[in-house]
Amino acid sequence: MAMKKYMVSVPDEMVKVLEKERKERLLETVPETIRVILSEYLRRKN
């Protein structure tokens, strides 16, 4: 699977929410958390 990298900026409020999600899901990084959330969202959308 080919992967592309994107750089995104998020507001401080979203960073706090992502950090909370990261800890709850026992993930190592915020980018990993974002990937998991996007993957779940896209899976549900289809």
N, C-alpha and C. Protein backbone atom coordinates (compact mmCIF):
# COMPACT_ATOMS: atom_id res chain seq x y z
N MET A 1 0.84 -1.16 0.00
CA MET A 1 0.00 0.00 0.00
C MET A 1 0.90 1.24 0.00
N ALA A 2 0.71 2.10 -0.96
CA ALA A 2 1.45 3.36 -1.03
C ALA A 2 0.88 4.35 -0.03
N MET A 3 1.76 5.11 0.57
CA MET A 3 1.31 6.10 1.56
C MET A 3 1.84 7.46 1.18
N LYS A 4 1.06 8.47 1.49
CA LYS A 4 1.47 9.85 1.27
C LYS A 4 1.45 10.55 2.61
N LYS A 5 2.32 11.53 2.76
CA LYS A 5 2.36 12.30 4.00
C LYS A 5 1.73 13.65 3.78
N TYR A 6 0.98 14.09 4.78
CA TYR A 6 0.35 15.40 4.76
C TYR A 6 0.70 16.11 6.06
N MET A 7 0.95 17.38 5.96
CA MET A 7 1.16 18.17 7.16
C MET A 7 -0.11 18.98 7.40
N VAL A 8 -0.63 18.89 8.60
CA VAL A 8 -1.85 19.63 8.92
C VAL A 8 -1.63 20.46 10.18
N SER A 9 -2.35 21.55 10.24
CA SER A 9 -2.35 22.38 11.44
C SER A 9 -3.70 22.23 12.12
N VAL A 10 -3.67 22.09 13.43
CA VAL A 10 -4.92 21.95 14.17
C VAL A 10 -4.91 22.94 15.34
N PRO A 11 -6.08 23.42 15.71
CA PRO A 11 -6.17 24.36 16.83
C PRO A 11 -5.80 23.67 18.15
N ASP A 12 -5.38 24.47 19.12
CA ASP A 12 -4.99 23.95 20.42
C ASP A 12 -6.09 23.11 21.06
N GLU A 13 -7.33 23.52 20.89
CA GLU A 13 -8.45 22.78 21.46
C GLU A 13 -8.51 21.36 20.90
N MET A 14 -8.27 21.22 19.60
CA MET A 14 -8.29 19.90 18.97
C MET A 14 -7.11 19.06 19.44
N VAL A 15 -5.97 19.70 19.66
CA VAL A 15 -4.79 18.98 20.16
C VAL A 15 -5.10 18.34 21.51
N LYS A 16 -5.79 19.07 22.37
CA LYS A 16 -6.16 18.53 23.69
C LYS A 16 -7.06 17.31 23.54
N VAL A 17 -8.01 17.39 22.63
CA VAL A 17 -8.93 16.27 22.42
C VAL A 17 -8.17 15.07 21.83
N LEU A 18 -7.27 15.33 20.90
CA LEU A 18 -6.49 14.24 20.30
C LEU A 18 -5.57 13.59 21.32
N GLU A 19 -4.98 14.38 22.20
CA GLU A 19 -4.13 13.82 23.25
C GLU A 19 -4.94 12.93 24.18
N LYS A 20 -6.15 13.36 24.51
CA LYS A 20 -7.03 12.56 25.37
C LYS A 20 -7.38 11.24 24.68
N GLU A 21 -7.74 11.32 23.40
CA GLU A 21 -8.04 10.10 22.62
C GLU A 21 -6.83 9.18 22.56
N ARG A 22 -5.66 9.75 22.35
CA ARG A 22 -4.43 8.96 22.25
C ARG A 22 -4.21 8.16 23.53
N LYS A 23 -4.40 8.80 24.66
CA LYS A 23 -4.20 8.12 25.95
C LYS A 23 -5.25 7.05 26.17
N GLU A 24 -6.50 7.35 25.83
CA GLU A 24 -7.58 6.38 26.02
C GLU A 24 -7.40 5.15 25.14
N ARG A 25 -6.91 5.37 23.93
CA ARG A 25 -6.73 4.26 22.98
C ARG A 25 -5.36 3.59 23.13
N LEU A 26 -4.55 4.11 24.05
CA LEU A 26 -3.21 3.57 24.32
C LEU A 26 -2.33 3.60 23.06
N LEU A 27 -2.42 4.68 22.31
CA LEU A 27 -1.60 4.85 21.11
C LEU A 27 -0.37 5.68 21.46
N GLU A 28 0.66 5.59 20.62
CA GLU A 28 1.92 6.25 20.93
C GLU A 28 1.98 7.71 20.50
N THR A 29 1.34 8.06 19.38
CA THR A 29 1.48 9.41 18.85
C THR A 29 0.13 9.98 18.42
N VAL A 30 0.09 11.29 18.31
CA VAL A 30 -1.11 11.95 17.81
C VAL A 30 -1.35 11.62 16.33
N PRO A 31 -0.31 11.63 15.47
CA PRO A 31 -0.57 11.24 14.07
C PRO A 31 -1.17 9.83 13.95
N GLU A 32 -0.72 8.91 14.78
CA GLU A 32 -1.30 7.57 14.77
C GLU A 32 -2.78 7.63 15.18
N THR A 33 -3.08 8.45 16.16
CA THR A 33 -4.46 8.63 16.61
C THR A 33 -5.32 9.18 15.49
N ILE A 34 -4.82 10.16 14.78
CA ILE A 34 -5.55 10.74 13.65
C ILE A 34 -5.82 9.69 12.59
N ARG A 35 -4.82 8.87 12.27
CA ARG A 35 -5.00 7.80 11.27
C ARG A 35 -6.08 6.82 11.69
N VAL A 36 -6.08 6.43 12.97
CA VAL A 36 -7.07 5.48 13.46
C VAL A 36 -8.48 6.08 13.37
N ILE A 37 -8.62 7.33 13.81
CA ILE A 37 -9.92 7.99 13.78
C ILE A 37 -10.43 8.13 12.34
N LEU A 38 -9.55 8.55 11.44
CA LEU A 38 -9.95 8.67 10.03
C LEU A 38 -10.34 7.32 9.43
N SER A 39 -9.57 6.30 9.76
CA SER A 39 -9.86 4.96 9.25
C SER A 39 -11.23 4.49 9.72
N GLU A 40 -11.52 4.68 11.02
CA GLU A 40 -12.83 4.30 11.54
C GLU A 40 -13.95 5.09 10.88
N TYR A 41 -13.74 6.38 10.72
CA TYR A 41 -14.76 7.22 10.10
C TYR A 41 -15.04 6.78 8.67
N LEU A 42 -13.99 6.56 7.90
CA LEU A 42 -14.18 6.18 6.50
C LEU A 42 -14.79 4.80 6.37
N ARG A 43 -14.46 3.89 7.28
CA ARG A 43 -15.07 2.56 7.26
C ARG A 43 -16.57 2.65 7.51
N ARG A 44 -16.97 3.48 8.47
CA ARG A 44 -18.40 3.63 8.79
C ARG A 44 -19.15 4.32 7.67
N LYS A 45 -18.49 5.25 6.99
CA LYS A 45 -19.13 6.03 5.95
C LYS A 45 -19.55 5.15 4.77
N ASN A 46 -18.78 4.11 4.49
CA ASN A 46 -19.08 3.22 3.35
C ASN A 46 -20.05 2.22 3.80
